[in-house]
Amino acid sequence: MEKCLETNIVCSNSNKQCKNCKLDECKNTFKMIDRLENKEYDFKIEKIKAQLPKMCKDCSLLQILNLDKQLVYCPYRLKERCLLKENETEKKEKETL
């Protein structure tokens, strides 16, 4: 028998686990937990993005290796420089000359 996380009551609905329970208390508790986890995840992502250089903030090539340790990997990032963005800016500068 599984107990509800919030009220510590065993579900009266055939002793089902909380996620399958039809009690509103159980559903609301899990929805609240999911929302908190999503907010925490979003906060950690924003914290990582705030530390990145401007040219890397919206890059689709970044891969987050470890969210808690704030480890990020990009194959084109070398010593805090982006090789792709530098090439793009150099081409634009040559075109304007």
Protein backbone atom coordinates (compact mmCIF):
# COMPACT_ATOMS: atom_id res chain seq x y z
CA MET A 1 0.00 0.00 0.00
CA GLU A 2 1.28 3.42 -0.99
CA LYS A 3 0.69 6.44 1.18
CA CYS A 4 -0.06 9.91 -0.08
CA LEU A 5 2.97 12.19 0.16
CA GLU A 6 1.04 15.13 1.52
CA THR A 7 -1.45 13.66 3.97
CA ASN A 8 0.19 10.28 4.65
CA ILE A 9 -3.17 8.60 3.98
CA VAL A 10 -3.46 5.33 2.10
CA CYS A 11 -5.50 5.80 -1.03
CA SER A 12 -9.00 4.52 -0.59
CA ASN A 13 -9.28 3.81 -4.29
CA SER A 14 -8.18 0.14 -4.38
CA ASN A 15 -4.86 0.96 -2.69
CA LYS A 16 -3.42 2.43 -5.90
CA GLN A 17 -0.22 4.37 -5.99
CA CYS A 18 -0.46 8.14 -5.76
CA LYS A 19 0.13 8.83 -9.44
CA ASN A 20 -2.77 6.59 -10.37
CA CYS A 21 -4.95 7.73 -7.51
CA LYS A 22 -8.16 9.62 -8.09
CA LEU A 23 -7.94 11.62 -4.88
CA ASP A 24 -7.62 15.31 -5.60
CA GLU A 25 -5.12 15.69 -2.77
CA CYS A 26 -2.74 13.21 -4.36
CA LYS A 27 -3.06 14.70 -7.84
CA ASN A 28 -2.52 18.22 -6.55
CA THR A 29 0.55 17.15 -4.61
CA PHE A 30 2.16 15.57 -7.67
CA LYS A 31 1.28 18.55 -9.86
CA MET A 32 2.90 20.83 -7.30
CA ILE A 33 6.03 18.68 -7.16
CA ASP A 34 6.26 18.63 -10.97
CA ARG A 35 5.88 22.41 -11.16
CA LEU A 36 8.60 22.92 -8.54
CA GLU A 37 10.97 20.58 -10.38
CA ASN A 38 10.33 22.40 -13.68
CA LYS A 39 10.95 25.79 -12.05
CA GLU A 40 14.17 24.53 -10.49
CA TYR A 41 15.30 23.12 -13.85
CA ASP A 42 14.52 26.40 -15.64
CA PHE A 43 16.35 28.38 -12.94
CA LYS A 44 19.46 26.22 -13.33
CA ILE A 45 19.37 26.60 -17.13
CA GLU A 46 19.08 30.39 -16.82
CA LYS A 47 21.95 30.43 -14.33
CA ILE A 48 24.15 28.54 -16.79
CA LYS A 49 23.16 30.78 -19.71
CA ALA A 50 23.94 33.90 -17.67
CA GLN A 51 27.54 32.73 -17.28
CA LEU A 52 28.08 32.03 -20.99
CA PRO A 53 29.59 34.57 -23.38
CA LYS A 54 27.08 36.61 -25.42
CA MET A 55 27.69 34.69 -28.61
CA CYS A 56 26.98 31.33 -26.93
CA LYS A 57 23.75 32.16 -25.10
CA ASP A 58 21.36 31.24 -27.93
CA CYS A 59 23.54 28.62 -29.61
CA SER A 60 21.80 25.37 -30.47
CA LEU A 61 25.05 23.38 -30.36
CA LEU A 62 25.49 23.63 -26.60
CA GLN A 63 24.99 20.44 -24.66
CA ILE A 64 24.50 20.50 -20.92
CA LEU A 65 26.54 17.66 -19.47
CA ASN A 66 25.75 18.20 -15.81
CA LEU A 67 23.08 20.60 -14.66
CA ASP A 68 24.11 20.69 -10.99
CA LYS A 69 27.83 21.19 -11.69
CA GLN A 70 27.04 23.58 -14.56
CA LEU A 71 29.11 21.68 -17.11
CA VAL A 72 28.48 22.66 -20.73
CA TYR A 73 30.01 21.24 -23.90
CA CYS A 74 30.22 22.74 -27.36
CA PRO A 75 32.45 21.26 -30.08
CA TYR A 76 33.15 24.74 -31.52
CA ARG A 77 34.02 26.47 -28.27
CA LEU A 78 37.73 26.78 -27.59
CA LYS A 79 39.19 28.72 -24.66
CA GLU A 80 36.04 30.81 -24.12
CA ARG A 81 35.85 31.60 -27.85
CA CYS A 82 33.37 30.37 -30.42
CA LEU A 83 35.05 29.36 -33.66
CA LEU A 84 31.82 29.46 -35.69
CA LYS A 85 30.73 32.93 -34.61
CA GLU A 86 34.21 34.37 -35.13
CA ASN A 87 34.26 33.07 -38.70
CA GLU A 88 30.81 34.57 -39.36
CA THR A 89 31.83 37.99 -38.04
CA GLU A 90 35.07 37.92 -40.06
CA LYS A 91 33.11 37.18 -43.26
CA LYS A 92 30.70 40.01 -42.56
CA GLU A 93 33.56 42.42 -41.95
CA LYS A 94 35.22 41.41 -45.25
CA GLU A 95 31.94 41.88 -47.11
CA THR A 96 31.51 45.41 -45.78
CA LEU A 97 35.03 46.36 -46.91
